[in-house]
N, C-alpha and C. Protein backbone atom coordinates (compact mmCIF):
# COMPACT_ATOMS: atom_id res chain seq x y z
N MET A 1 0.84 -1.18 0.00
CA MET A 1 0.00 0.00 0.00
C MET A 1 0.89 1.24 0.00
N ALA A 2 0.55 2.16 -0.88
CA ALA A 2 1.35 3.38 -0.98
C ALA A 2 1.14 4.23 0.25
N GLY A 3 2.21 4.87 0.73
CA GLY A 3 2.11 5.71 1.89
C GLY A 3 1.53 7.07 1.55
N SER A 4 1.40 7.90 2.58
CA SER A 4 0.88 9.23 2.38
C SER A 4 1.92 10.11 1.72
N ARG A 5 1.49 11.30 1.34
CA ARG A 5 2.42 12.22 0.70
C ARG A 5 3.51 12.66 1.67
N ALA A 6 3.14 12.83 2.94
CA ALA A 6 4.15 13.21 3.94
C ALA A 6 5.18 12.09 4.09
N ASP A 7 4.72 10.83 4.11
CA ASP A 7 5.66 9.71 4.22
C ASP A 7 6.57 9.65 2.99
N LYS A 8 6.01 9.91 1.82
CA LYS A 8 6.84 9.89 0.60
C LYS A 8 7.88 10.99 0.63
N ARG A 9 7.47 12.19 1.10
CA ARG A 9 8.45 13.28 1.20
C ARG A 9 9.55 12.93 2.18
N ALA A 10 9.17 12.34 3.34
CA ALA A 10 10.17 11.98 4.34
C ALA A 10 11.11 10.90 3.80
N HIS A 11 10.55 9.92 3.07
CA HIS A 11 11.38 8.85 2.51
C HIS A 11 12.35 9.40 1.47
N THR A 12 11.86 10.30 0.61
CA THR A 12 12.73 10.89 -0.40
C THR A 12 13.85 11.71 0.24
N THR A 13 13.50 12.48 1.26
CA THR A 13 14.52 13.29 1.95
C THR A 13 15.55 12.41 2.63
N ALA A 14 15.07 11.34 3.28
CA ALA A 14 16.01 10.44 3.96
C ALA A 14 16.95 9.77 2.96
N ALA A 15 16.41 9.36 1.81
CA ALA A 15 17.26 8.72 0.80
C ALA A 15 18.29 9.70 0.25
N ARG A 16 17.86 10.92 -0.01
CA ARG A 16 18.80 11.92 -0.54
C ARG A 16 19.90 12.23 0.48
N ARG A 17 19.52 12.30 1.74
CA ARG A 17 20.52 12.58 2.77
C ARG A 17 21.46 11.40 2.99
N ALA A 18 20.93 10.19 2.84
CA ALA A 18 21.78 9.01 2.97
C ALA A 18 22.84 8.99 1.87
N VAL A 19 22.44 9.36 0.64
CA VAL A 19 23.41 9.42 -0.46
C VAL A 19 24.47 10.47 -0.17
N ALA A 20 24.03 11.64 0.34
CA ALA A 20 25.00 12.70 0.65
C ALA A 20 25.95 12.27 1.76
N ASP A 21 25.42 11.57 2.79
CA ASP A 21 26.29 11.08 3.87
C ASP A 21 27.28 10.06 3.35
N ALA A 22 26.81 9.18 2.46
CA ALA A 22 27.71 8.16 1.92
C ALA A 22 28.84 8.80 1.13
N ARG A 23 28.52 9.79 0.32
CA ARG A 23 29.57 10.47 -0.44
C ARG A 23 30.56 11.18 0.48
N ARG A 24 30.02 11.83 1.51
CA ARG A 24 30.89 12.54 2.43
C ARG A 24 31.80 11.58 3.19
N ASN A 25 31.22 10.45 3.63
CA ASN A 25 32.02 9.46 4.36
C ASN A 25 33.07 8.83 3.45
N ALA A 26 32.70 8.59 2.18
CA ALA A 26 33.67 8.02 1.25
C ALA A 26 34.83 8.99 1.01
N LYS A 27 34.52 10.26 0.90
CA LYS A 27 35.57 11.24 0.71
C LYS A 27 36.47 11.32 1.94
N ALA A 28 35.84 11.26 3.14
CA ALA A 28 36.64 11.30 4.36
C ALA A 28 37.50 10.04 4.49
N ALA A 29 36.95 8.87 4.09
CA ALA A 29 37.73 7.64 4.17
C ALA A 29 38.91 7.69 3.22
N ALA A 30 38.72 8.25 2.04
CA ALA A 30 39.83 8.37 1.10
C ALA A 30 40.91 9.29 1.66
N GLY A 31 40.51 10.36 2.33
CA GLY A 31 41.49 11.25 2.94
C GLY A 31 42.25 10.56 4.07
N ASN A 32 41.54 9.74 4.86
CA ASN A 32 42.21 9.00 5.94
C ASN A 32 43.19 7.98 5.39
N THR A 33 42.84 7.37 4.24
CA THR A 33 43.74 6.39 3.64
C THR A 33 45.04 7.06 3.19
N ARG A 34 44.90 8.24 2.56
CA ARG A 34 46.11 8.95 2.15
C ARG A 34 46.93 9.39 3.37
N LEU A 35 46.23 9.75 4.43
CA LEU A 35 46.93 10.17 5.64
C LEU A 35 47.65 8.99 6.28
N GLY A 36 47.01 7.77 6.22
CA GLY A 36 47.64 6.59 6.82
C GLY A 36 48.88 6.15 6.07
N LYS A 37 48.88 6.36 4.73
CA LYS A 37 50.05 5.96 3.96
C LYS A 37 51.28 6.80 4.32
N GLY A 38 51.04 8.08 4.57
CA GLY A 38 52.18 8.93 4.89
C GLY A 38 52.32 9.19 6.38
N ARG A 39 51.78 8.27 7.20
CA ARG A 39 51.78 8.48 8.65
C ARG A 39 53.20 8.33 9.20
N ASN A 40 53.56 9.15 10.14
CA ASN A 40 54.83 9.06 10.85
C ASN A 40 54.54 9.12 12.34
N GLY A 41 55.46 9.69 13.13
CA GLY A 41 55.27 9.72 14.58
C GLY A 41 54.08 10.54 14.99
N GLY A 42 53.69 11.57 14.22
CA GLY A 42 52.54 12.42 14.60
C GLY A 42 51.26 12.01 13.92
N GLY A 43 51.19 10.79 13.41
CA GLY A 43 49.98 10.34 12.73
C GLY A 43 48.78 10.23 13.65
N SER A 44 48.98 9.80 14.89
CA SER A 44 47.86 9.66 15.81
C SER A 44 47.24 11.02 16.12
N LEU A 45 48.08 12.06 16.24
CA LEU A 45 47.55 13.40 16.49
C LEU A 45 46.72 13.88 15.31
N LEU A 46 47.23 13.61 14.09
CA LEU A 46 46.47 14.01 12.91
C LEU A 46 45.17 13.24 12.81
N GLY A 47 45.20 11.95 13.18
CA GLY A 47 43.96 11.15 13.14
C GLY A 47 42.94 11.66 14.13
N GLY A 48 43.38 12.03 15.35
CA GLY A 48 42.44 12.58 16.33
C GLY A 48 41.84 13.89 15.86
N ALA A 49 42.68 14.75 15.25
CA ALA A 49 42.16 16.02 14.72
C ALA A 49 41.15 15.77 13.61
N ALA A 50 41.41 14.76 12.77
CA ALA A 50 40.48 14.45 11.69
C ALA A 50 39.14 13.96 12.24
N ARG A 51 39.20 13.14 13.30
CA ARG A 51 37.94 12.67 13.89
C ARG A 51 37.15 13.81 14.50
N LYS A 52 37.83 14.74 15.17
CA LYS A 52 37.13 15.90 15.73
C LYS A 52 36.52 16.76 14.63
N ALA A 53 37.26 16.91 13.54
CA ALA A 53 36.73 17.70 12.43
C ALA A 53 35.50 17.03 11.84
N ARG A 54 35.52 15.67 11.71
CA ARG A 54 34.35 14.97 11.19
C ARG A 54 33.17 15.12 12.13
N ALA A 55 33.43 15.02 13.45
CA ALA A 55 32.33 15.17 14.41
C ALA A 55 31.73 16.57 14.33
N ALA A 56 32.58 17.60 14.22
CA ALA A 56 32.07 18.97 14.09
C ALA A 56 31.29 19.14 12.80
N ARG A 57 31.81 18.51 11.72
CA ARG A 57 31.11 18.60 10.44
C ARG A 57 29.75 17.94 10.52
N ASP A 58 29.68 16.75 11.12
CA ASP A 58 28.40 16.04 11.24
C ASP A 58 27.41 16.83 12.08
N ALA A 59 27.90 17.46 13.16
CA ALA A 59 27.01 18.26 14.00
C ALA A 59 26.46 19.45 13.22
N ALA A 60 27.34 20.09 12.43
CA ALA A 60 26.88 21.23 11.63
C ALA A 60 25.87 20.80 10.58
N VAL A 61 26.10 19.64 9.96
CA VAL A 61 25.16 19.13 8.95
C VAL A 61 23.81 18.82 9.59
N ALA A 62 23.85 18.18 10.78
CA ALA A 62 22.59 17.86 11.46
C ALA A 62 21.83 19.13 11.86
N LYS A 63 22.54 20.13 12.32
CA LYS A 63 21.89 21.39 12.70
C LYS A 63 21.28 22.07 11.48
N ASN A 64 22.02 22.04 10.38
CA ASN A 64 21.51 22.64 9.14
C ASN A 64 20.25 21.92 8.66
N ARG A 65 20.27 20.59 8.74
CA ARG A 65 19.11 19.81 8.30
C ARG A 65 17.91 20.09 9.19
N ALA A 66 18.14 20.21 10.51
CA ALA A 66 17.03 20.50 11.41
C ALA A 66 16.40 21.86 11.09
N LYS A 67 17.23 22.84 10.76
CA LYS A 67 16.70 24.16 10.41
C LYS A 67 15.91 24.09 9.11
N ARG A 68 16.44 23.33 8.12
CA ARG A 68 15.71 23.19 6.86
C ARG A 68 14.39 22.46 7.07
N ASP A 69 14.39 21.43 7.91
CA ASP A 69 13.16 20.69 8.17
C ASP A 69 12.12 21.59 8.84
N ALA A 70 12.58 22.41 9.81
CA ALA A 70 11.64 23.32 10.47
C ALA A 70 11.07 24.33 9.50
N LYS A 71 11.92 24.85 8.60
CA LYS A 71 11.45 25.83 7.61
C LYS A 71 10.47 25.18 6.64
N THR A 72 10.80 23.96 6.20
CA THR A 72 9.90 23.26 5.29
C THR A 72 8.57 22.96 5.96
N GLY A 73 8.63 22.52 7.22
CA GLY A 73 7.39 22.25 7.95
C GLY A 73 6.54 23.50 8.11
N GLY A 74 7.17 24.63 8.38
CA GLY A 74 6.42 25.87 8.48
C GLY A 74 5.79 26.28 7.16
N THR A 75 6.53 26.08 6.07
CA THR A 75 5.98 26.42 4.75
C THR A 75 4.79 25.54 4.40
N VAL A 76 4.92 24.23 4.67
CA VAL A 76 3.82 23.31 4.38
C VAL A 76 2.61 23.65 5.24
N ALA A 77 2.85 23.95 6.52
CA ALA A 77 1.73 24.30 7.40
C ALA A 77 1.04 25.58 6.94
N ALA A 78 1.82 26.56 6.50
CA ALA A 78 1.22 27.81 6.02
C ALA A 78 0.40 27.58 4.76
N GLN A 79 0.92 26.74 3.85
CA GLN A 79 0.17 26.46 2.62
C GLN A 79 -1.11 25.70 2.92
N ARG A 80 -1.03 24.75 3.85
CA ARG A 80 -2.24 24.01 4.21
C ARG A 80 -3.26 24.93 4.87
N ALA A 81 -2.78 25.84 5.72
CA ALA A 81 -3.70 26.78 6.37
C ALA A 81 -4.37 27.67 5.32
N ALA A 82 -3.59 28.11 4.31
CA ALA A 82 -4.17 28.95 3.26
C ALA A 82 -5.24 28.19 2.48
N VAL A 83 -4.95 26.92 2.16
CA VAL A 83 -5.94 26.10 1.43
C VAL A 83 -7.17 25.85 2.29
N ARG A 84 -6.95 25.61 3.58
CA ARG A 84 -8.05 25.32 4.49
C ARG A 84 -8.96 26.54 4.67
N LYS A 85 -8.39 27.73 4.66
CA LYS A 85 -9.17 28.94 4.90
C LYS A 85 -9.61 29.64 3.62
N ALA A 86 -9.24 29.09 2.49
CA ALA A 86 -9.55 29.74 1.21
C ALA A 86 -11.05 29.96 0.99
N PRO A 87 -11.93 28.96 1.23
CA PRO A 87 -13.36 29.21 1.00
C PRO A 87 -13.92 30.34 1.85
N ALA A 88 -13.55 30.38 3.14
CA ALA A 88 -14.05 31.44 4.01
C ALA A 88 -13.53 32.80 3.56
N ARG A 89 -12.26 32.87 3.16
CA ARG A 89 -11.71 34.15 2.71
C ARG A 89 -12.35 34.61 1.41
N LYS A 90 -12.62 33.67 0.52
CA LYS A 90 -13.28 34.04 -0.73
C LYS A 90 -14.67 34.60 -0.47
N ALA A 91 -15.42 33.95 0.43
CA ALA A 91 -16.75 34.46 0.77
C ALA A 91 -16.67 35.83 1.42
N ALA A 92 -15.64 36.04 2.27
CA ALA A 92 -15.48 37.35 2.91
C ALA A 92 -15.15 38.42 1.88
N ARG A 93 -14.28 38.11 0.92
CA ARG A 93 -13.95 39.09 -0.12
C ARG A 93 -15.20 39.46 -0.92
N GLN A 94 -16.00 38.47 -1.25
CA GLN A 94 -17.22 38.76 -2.00
C GLN A 94 -18.17 39.63 -1.18
N ALA A 95 -18.29 39.35 0.12
CA ALA A 95 -19.16 40.16 0.97
C ALA A 95 -18.65 41.60 1.06
N LEU A 96 -17.34 41.77 1.17
CA LEU A 96 -16.78 43.13 1.24
C LEU A 96 -16.99 43.88 -0.07
N CYS A 97 -16.86 43.17 -1.19
CA CYS A 97 -17.10 43.81 -2.49
C CYS A 97 -18.57 44.23 -2.63
N ARG A 98 -19.48 43.39 -2.16
CA ARG A 98 -20.90 43.76 -2.22
C ARG A 98 -21.18 44.96 -1.32
N SER A 99 -20.53 44.99 -0.15
CA SER A 99 -20.72 46.11 0.76
C SER A 99 -20.20 47.41 0.15
N ALA A 100 -19.03 47.34 -0.50
CA ALA A 100 -18.49 48.54 -1.15
C ALA A 100 -19.39 49.00 -2.29
N ALA A 101 -19.89 48.04 -3.09
CA ALA A 101 -20.78 48.42 -4.19
C ALA A 101 -22.06 49.05 -3.66
N ARG A 102 -22.57 48.53 -2.56
CA ARG A 102 -23.78 49.11 -1.96
C ARG A 102 -23.51 50.53 -1.46
N PHE A 103 -22.33 50.73 -0.85
CA PHE A 103 -21.99 52.07 -0.36
C PHE A 103 -21.91 53.07 -1.51
N HIS A 104 -21.24 52.69 -2.59
CA HIS A 104 -21.11 53.61 -3.71
C HIS A 104 -22.47 53.88 -4.38
N GLY A 105 -23.32 52.86 -4.38
CA GLY A 105 -24.68 53.09 -4.90
C GLY A 105 -25.45 54.08 -4.03
N ARG A 106 -25.31 53.93 -2.71
CA ARG A 106 -25.97 54.87 -1.80
C ARG A 106 -25.42 56.29 -1.98
N ARG A 107 -24.12 56.38 -2.22
CA ARG A 107 -23.53 57.71 -2.41
C ARG A 107 -24.04 58.36 -3.70
N LEU A 108 -24.17 57.56 -4.75
CA LEU A 108 -24.71 58.09 -6.00
C LEU A 108 -26.16 58.54 -5.81
N LEU A 109 -26.93 57.73 -5.08
CA LEU A 109 -28.32 58.10 -4.81
C LEU A 109 -28.39 59.39 -3.99
N ALA A 110 -27.47 59.53 -3.03
CA ALA A 110 -27.45 60.77 -2.24
C ALA A 110 -27.15 61.97 -3.11
N ALA A 111 -26.26 61.80 -4.07
CA ALA A 111 -25.96 62.92 -4.98
C ALA A 111 -27.18 63.29 -5.81
N LEU A 112 -27.92 62.27 -6.28
CA LEU A 112 -29.12 62.55 -7.08
C LEU A 112 -30.19 63.25 -6.25
N LEU A 113 -30.32 62.84 -4.99
CA LEU A 113 -31.32 63.47 -4.12
C LEU A 113 -30.91 64.88 -3.71
N ALA A 114 -29.61 65.08 -3.55
CA ALA A 114 -29.14 66.40 -3.10
C ALA A 114 -29.09 67.42 -4.22
N LEU A 115 -29.10 66.96 -5.48
CA LEU A 115 -29.00 67.89 -6.60
C LEU A 115 -30.16 68.89 -6.66
N PRO A 116 -31.43 68.42 -6.65
CA PRO A 116 -32.52 69.42 -6.68
C PRO A 116 -32.56 70.29 -5.43
N VAL A 117 -32.20 69.70 -4.29
CA VAL A 117 -32.17 70.50 -3.07
C VAL A 117 -31.07 71.55 -3.16
N GLY A 118 -29.95 71.19 -3.78
CA GLY A 118 -28.87 72.16 -3.97
C GLY A 118 -29.28 73.30 -4.90
N LEU A 119 -30.05 72.95 -5.95
CA LEU A 119 -30.55 74.00 -6.84
C LEU A 119 -31.48 74.95 -6.10
N LEU A 120 -32.29 74.38 -5.23
CA LEU A 120 -33.15 75.22 -4.41
C LEU A 120 -32.33 76.07 -3.44
N GLY A 121 -31.19 75.49 -2.98
CA GLY A 121 -30.34 76.24 -2.06
C GLY A 121 -29.70 77.45 -2.70
N CYS A 122 -29.60 77.46 -4.03
CA CYS A 122 -29.06 78.66 -4.69
C CYS A 122 -29.95 79.88 -4.44
N LEU A 123 -31.24 79.61 -4.17
CA LEU A 123 -32.16 80.71 -3.88
C LEU A 123 -32.24 81.01 -2.38
N THR A 124 -32.17 79.95 -1.56
CA THR A 124 -32.36 80.16 -0.12
C THR A 124 -31.08 80.58 0.59
N THR A 125 -29.92 80.25 0.04
CA THR A 125 -28.66 80.57 0.72
C THR A 125 -28.46 82.09 0.91
N PRO A 126 -28.72 82.92 -0.10
CA PRO A 126 -28.55 84.37 0.14
C PRO A 126 -29.46 84.91 1.26
N PHE A 127 -30.69 84.37 1.34
CA PHE A 127 -31.58 84.81 2.43
C PHE A 127 -31.06 84.31 3.78
N GLY A 128 -30.52 83.12 3.79
CA GLY A 128 -29.97 82.62 5.04
C GLY A 128 -28.79 83.43 5.53
N ARG A 129 -27.98 83.86 4.60
CA ARG A 129 -26.84 84.70 4.98
C ARG A 129 -27.33 86.09 5.46
N LYS A 130 -28.32 86.61 4.78
CA LYS A 130 -28.78 87.96 5.11
C LYS A 130 -29.46 88.01 6.47
N PHE A 131 -30.29 86.97 6.73
CA PHE A 131 -31.04 86.97 7.99
C PHE A 131 -30.41 86.05 9.04
N ASP A 132 -29.22 85.53 8.74
CA ASP A 132 -28.47 84.67 9.68
C ASP A 132 -29.30 83.45 10.12
N ILE A 133 -29.79 82.70 9.08
CA ILE A 133 -30.56 81.47 9.32
C ILE A 133 -29.75 80.32 8.71
N PRO A 134 -29.00 79.55 9.52
CA PRO A 134 -28.14 78.49 8.96
C PRO A 134 -28.91 77.40 8.22
N SER A 135 -30.15 77.13 8.61
CA SER A 135 -30.90 76.05 7.97
C SER A 135 -31.23 76.34 6.51
N LEU A 136 -31.16 77.61 6.12
CA LEU A 136 -31.44 77.96 4.73
C LEU A 136 -30.20 77.93 3.85
N MET A 137 -29.04 77.80 4.45
CA MET A 137 -27.79 77.86 3.68
C MET A 137 -27.30 76.46 3.31
N TYR A 138 -26.97 76.29 2.07
CA TYR A 138 -26.38 75.05 1.52
C TYR A 138 -27.18 73.80 1.93
N PRO A 139 -28.45 73.73 1.67
CA PRO A 139 -29.22 72.54 2.07
C PRO A 139 -28.82 71.28 1.30
N GLY A 140 -28.48 71.45 0.03
CA GLY A 140 -28.09 70.29 -0.77
C GLY A 140 -26.78 69.67 -0.28
N ARG A 141 -25.81 70.50 0.05
CA ARG A 141 -24.53 70.00 0.56
C ARG A 141 -24.71 69.28 1.89
N ARG A 142 -25.53 69.86 2.76
CA ARG A 142 -25.73 69.24 4.08
C ARG A 142 -26.49 67.92 3.96
N LEU A 143 -27.47 67.86 3.04
CA LEU A 143 -28.20 66.61 2.83
C LEU A 143 -27.27 65.52 2.30
N TYR A 144 -26.44 65.89 1.34
CA TYR A 144 -25.51 64.91 0.76
C TYR A 144 -24.56 64.37 1.83
N ARG A 145 -23.98 65.24 2.64
CA ARG A 145 -23.05 64.80 3.67
C ARG A 145 -23.73 63.89 4.69
N ARG A 146 -24.97 64.24 5.06
CA ARG A 146 -25.66 63.41 6.05
C ARG A 146 -25.96 62.02 5.50
N LEU A 147 -26.41 61.95 4.24
CA LEU A 147 -26.72 60.64 3.64
C LEU A 147 -25.46 59.80 3.46
N VAL A 148 -24.37 60.43 3.02
CA VAL A 148 -23.11 59.69 2.83
C VAL A 148 -22.55 59.23 4.16
N ARG A 149 -22.64 60.05 5.19
CA ARG A 149 -22.15 59.66 6.51
C ARG A 149 -22.92 58.45 7.04
N THR A 150 -24.23 58.44 6.86
CA THR A 150 -25.04 57.29 7.29
C THR A 150 -24.66 56.04 6.51
N ALA A 151 -24.47 56.19 5.18
CA ALA A 151 -24.08 55.03 4.37
C ALA A 151 -22.71 54.51 4.77
N ALA A 152 -21.76 55.40 5.10
CA ALA A 152 -20.42 54.97 5.52
C ALA A 152 -20.48 54.24 6.85
N GLU A 153 -21.31 54.71 7.77
CA GLU A 153 -21.44 54.02 9.06
C GLU A 153 -22.04 52.63 8.88
N GLN A 154 -23.03 52.52 8.02
CA GLN A 154 -23.62 51.19 7.76
C GLN A 154 -22.61 50.26 7.09
N ARG A 155 -21.81 50.82 6.17
CA ARG A 155 -20.80 49.99 5.52
C ARG A 155 -19.77 49.52 6.53
N ALA A 156 -19.33 50.39 7.42
CA ALA A 156 -18.35 49.99 8.44
C ALA A 156 -18.90 48.88 9.32
N GLY A 157 -20.18 48.96 9.67
CA GLY A 157 -20.79 47.90 10.47
C GLY A 157 -20.84 46.58 9.73
N ARG A 158 -21.21 46.62 8.44
CA ARG A 158 -21.25 45.38 7.65
C ARG A 158 -19.86 44.78 7.50
N ASP A 159 -18.87 45.62 7.22
CA ASP A 159 -17.51 45.11 7.03
C ASP A 159 -16.97 44.51 8.32
N GLU A 160 -17.25 45.14 9.45
CA GLU A 160 -16.77 44.59 10.72
C GLU A 160 -17.43 43.25 11.02
N ALA A 161 -18.72 43.14 10.72
CA ALA A 161 -19.40 41.85 10.92
C ALA A 161 -18.82 40.78 10.01
N THR A 162 -18.49 41.15 8.77
CA THR A 162 -17.90 40.18 7.84
C THR A 162 -16.53 39.72 8.33
N ARG A 163 -15.71 40.65 8.80
CA ARG A 163 -14.38 40.28 9.29
C ARG A 163 -14.48 39.42 10.55
N LYS A 164 -15.43 39.74 11.41
CA LYS A 164 -15.61 38.93 12.61
C LYS A 164 -16.04 37.51 12.25
N ASN A 165 -16.94 37.38 11.30
CA ASN A 165 -17.38 36.06 10.84
C ASN A 165 -16.22 35.29 10.23
N LEU A 166 -15.36 36.00 9.48
CA LEU A 166 -14.19 35.35 8.88
C LEU A 166 -13.24 34.84 9.96
N ARG A 167 -12.98 35.64 10.98
CA ARG A 167 -12.10 35.18 12.06
C ARG A 167 -12.67 33.96 12.77
N GLU A 168 -13.97 33.95 12.97
CA GLU A 168 -14.60 32.79 13.62
C GLU A 168 -14.49 31.54 12.76
N GLN A 169 -14.70 31.69 11.45
CA GLN A 169 -14.60 30.53 10.56
C GLN A 169 -13.17 30.00 10.48
N GLU A 170 -12.19 30.92 10.44
CA GLU A 170 -10.80 30.48 10.41
C GLU A 170 -10.42 29.77 11.70
N ALA A 171 -10.89 30.29 12.84
CA ALA A 171 -10.60 29.63 14.12
C ALA A 171 -11.26 28.26 14.18
N ALA A 172 -12.48 28.15 13.67
CA ALA A 172 -13.15 26.85 13.65
C ALA A 172 -12.42 25.86 12.75
N ALA A 173 -11.92 26.34 11.58
CA ALA A 173 -11.17 25.45 10.68
C ALA A 173 -9.87 24.99 11.34
N ASP A 174 -9.18 25.89 12.03
CA ASP A 174 -7.94 25.51 12.73
C ASP A 174 -8.23 24.50 13.83
N ALA A 175 -9.32 24.73 14.58
CA ALA A 175 -9.66 23.80 15.66
C ALA A 175 -10.03 22.43 15.12
N GLU A 176 -10.77 22.41 14.02
CA GLU A 176 -11.15 21.12 13.43
C GLU A 176 -9.93 20.38 12.90
N ALA A 177 -9.00 21.13 12.27
CA ALA A 177 -7.78 20.49 11.78
C ALA A 177 -6.93 19.98 12.91
N GLY A 178 -6.88 20.69 14.03
CA GLY A 178 -6.11 20.22 15.18
C GLY A 178 -6.71 18.99 15.82
N GLU A 179 -8.04 18.87 15.77
CA GLU A 179 -8.70 17.70 16.38
C GLU A 179 -8.47 16.43 15.58
N ASP A 180 -8.62 16.52 14.24
CA ASP A 180 -8.44 15.30 13.44
C ASP A 180 -6.99 15.03 13.09
N GLY A 181 -6.09 16.00 13.36
CA GLY A 181 -4.66 15.76 13.17
C GLY A 181 -4.20 15.69 11.74
N THR A 182 -5.03 16.14 10.80
CA THR A 182 -4.66 16.07 9.38
C THR A 182 -4.44 17.44 8.78
N ASP A 183 -4.53 18.50 9.60
CA ASP A 183 -4.40 19.88 9.12
C ASP A 183 -5.45 20.20 8.07
N GLY A 184 -6.57 19.46 8.11
CA GLY A 184 -7.64 19.74 7.18
C GLY A 184 -7.45 19.17 5.80
N ILE A 185 -6.29 18.55 5.53
CA ILE A 185 -6.01 18.00 4.21
C ILE A 185 -5.48 16.58 4.39
N ALA A 186 -6.11 15.63 3.76
CA ALA A 186 -5.67 14.25 3.89
C ALA A 186 -4.39 14.03 3.09
N ASP A 187 -3.39 13.40 3.72
CA ASP A 187 -2.14 13.14 3.03
C ASP A 187 -2.24 11.98 2.07
N GLY A 188 -3.15 11.06 2.31
CA GLY A 188 -3.25 9.90 1.46
C GLY A 188 -4.69 9.58 1.15
N VAL A 189 -4.90 8.69 0.23
CA VAL A 189 -6.24 8.27 -0.16
C VAL A 189 -6.57 6.99 0.59
N GLU A 190 -7.76 6.98 1.21
CA GLU A 190 -8.17 5.78 1.94
C GLU A 190 -8.43 4.65 0.96
N ARG A 191 -7.93 3.49 1.30
CA ARG A 191 -8.11 2.31 0.47
C ARG A 191 -8.91 1.26 1.23
N PRO A 192 -9.62 0.38 0.54
CA PRO A 192 -10.39 -0.65 1.25
C PRO A 192 -9.48 -1.59 2.02
N ALA A 193 -9.96 -2.05 3.20
CA ALA A 193 -9.15 -2.92 4.05
C ALA A 193 -8.94 -4.28 3.39
N ALA A 194 -9.98 -4.82 2.76
CA ALA A 194 -9.87 -6.13 2.11
C ALA A 194 -9.58 -5.96 0.64
N LYS A 195 -8.83 -6.88 0.09
CA LYS A 195 -8.51 -6.83 -1.33
C LYS A 195 -9.73 -7.25 -2.15
N VAL A 196 -9.96 -6.56 -3.22
CA VAL A 196 -11.08 -6.88 -4.09
C VAL A 196 -10.64 -7.95 -5.07
N PRO A 197 -11.35 -9.12 -5.10
CA PRO A 197 -10.92 -10.19 -6.03
C PRO A 197 -11.12 -9.76 -7.47
N THR A 198 -10.19 -10.20 -8.27
CA THR A 198 -10.25 -9.87 -9.70
C THR A 198 -10.61 -11.12 -10.48
N THR A 199 -11.39 -10.96 -11.52
CA THR A 199 -11.80 -12.09 -12.36
C THR A 199 -10.81 -12.26 -13.49
N PRO A 200 -10.50 -13.51 -13.86
CA PRO A 200 -9.54 -13.72 -14.96
C PRO A 200 -10.10 -13.19 -16.27
N GLU A 201 -9.20 -12.64 -17.04
CA GLU A 201 -9.62 -12.12 -18.34
C GLU A 201 -9.93 -13.26 -19.30
N VAL A 202 -11.06 -13.14 -19.97
CA VAL A 202 -11.49 -14.16 -20.94
C VAL A 202 -11.57 -13.49 -22.29
N SER A 203 -10.96 -14.15 -23.25
CA SER A 203 -10.97 -13.56 -24.59
C SER A 203 -12.38 -13.55 -25.14
N GLU A 204 -12.66 -12.55 -25.94
CA GLU A 204 -14.00 -12.36 -26.45
C GLU A 204 -14.38 -13.50 -27.39
N GLY A 205 -15.54 -14.12 -27.14
CA GLY A 205 -16.06 -15.16 -28.03
C GLY A 205 -15.74 -16.57 -27.59
N GLU A 206 -15.02 -16.77 -26.44
CA GLU A 206 -14.75 -18.13 -26.00
C GLU A 206 -14.74 -18.14 -24.48
N CYS A 207 -15.11 -19.29 -23.90
CA CYS A 207 -15.18 -19.42 -22.45
C CYS A 207 -13.91 -20.05 -21.94
N ALA A 208 -13.73 -19.98 -20.58
CA ALA A 208 -12.50 -20.49 -19.99
C ALA A 208 -12.43 -22.00 -20.10
N GLY A 209 -13.56 -22.70 -20.03
CA GLY A 209 -13.55 -24.16 -20.09
C GLY A 209 -13.30 -24.71 -21.47
N CYS A 210 -13.48 -23.84 -22.49
CA CYS A 210 -13.30 -24.32 -23.86
C CYS A 210 -11.89 -24.16 -24.36
N GLN A 211 -11.00 -23.55 -23.56
CA GLN A 211 -9.63 -23.35 -23.99
C GLN A 211 -8.86 -24.65 -23.84
N SER A 212 -8.13 -25.05 -24.86
CA SER A 212 -7.39 -26.29 -24.83
C SER A 212 -6.04 -26.08 -24.18
N PRO A 213 -5.46 -27.14 -23.54
CA PRO A 213 -4.14 -26.98 -22.93
C PRO A 213 -3.09 -26.65 -23.98
N LYS A 214 -1.98 -26.07 -23.49
CA LYS A 214 -0.90 -25.68 -24.38
C LYS A 214 -0.28 -26.90 -25.03
N GLY A 215 -0.14 -26.83 -26.33
CA GLY A 215 0.51 -27.91 -27.06
C GLY A 215 -0.45 -29.00 -27.54
N LEU A 216 -1.73 -28.96 -27.14
CA LEU A 216 -2.69 -29.96 -27.57
C LEU A 216 -3.77 -29.31 -28.39
N ARG A 217 -4.33 -30.08 -29.27
CA ARG A 217 -5.42 -29.59 -30.11
C ARG A 217 -6.66 -30.38 -29.80
N PRO A 218 -7.82 -29.73 -29.82
CA PRO A 218 -9.06 -30.48 -29.57
C PRO A 218 -9.34 -31.46 -30.69
N THR A 219 -9.82 -32.62 -30.33
CA THR A 219 -10.11 -33.67 -31.31
C THR A 219 -11.58 -33.67 -31.60
N GLY A 220 -11.93 -34.27 -32.71
CA GLY A 220 -13.34 -34.42 -33.06
C GLY A 220 -13.81 -33.31 -33.85
């Protein structure tokens, strides 16, 4: 049975690292052989230094591999989280776009409503200035600002509700992935526990009992 994708990645990484270790060890063994041929009274000191150097090299390689594994694990986890949260984020983007379109529609409607009032304000504004009556001055501008301010407040409320819903859905997806231990994405395909029996292939136009043994011909 084929393993999961995570198992395949781990197996491939282990095999690649085993090949690299084998090459490194072979190179070190060749160096030790050359060192042994020309060994003199200080050969043991050189051999000890070589062993320490190999130990330091192996420790550095192991540390490097651990850092790479942690980085790869973080990248895979981030990609899985993005895939897991993609439907909720898409729905949130669509809701925000609808909210923005609604706001701009309300603003256009406010401009249409304020236009005739503004034309009327061209007549009432001079009287408002003369008699110091603020309600007669710039009625169209004030109506437009009031309608747009109300539309902006409603849009802010809708957007905040959408973002709150998105955070709740993302938290629920993370919690569900943590409970089933699969990060929300199955690494492998489930296969049936029992093997499904297969029927022998029969050539078209003849049955299995009518086939003659190899090397013999039917008589009669």
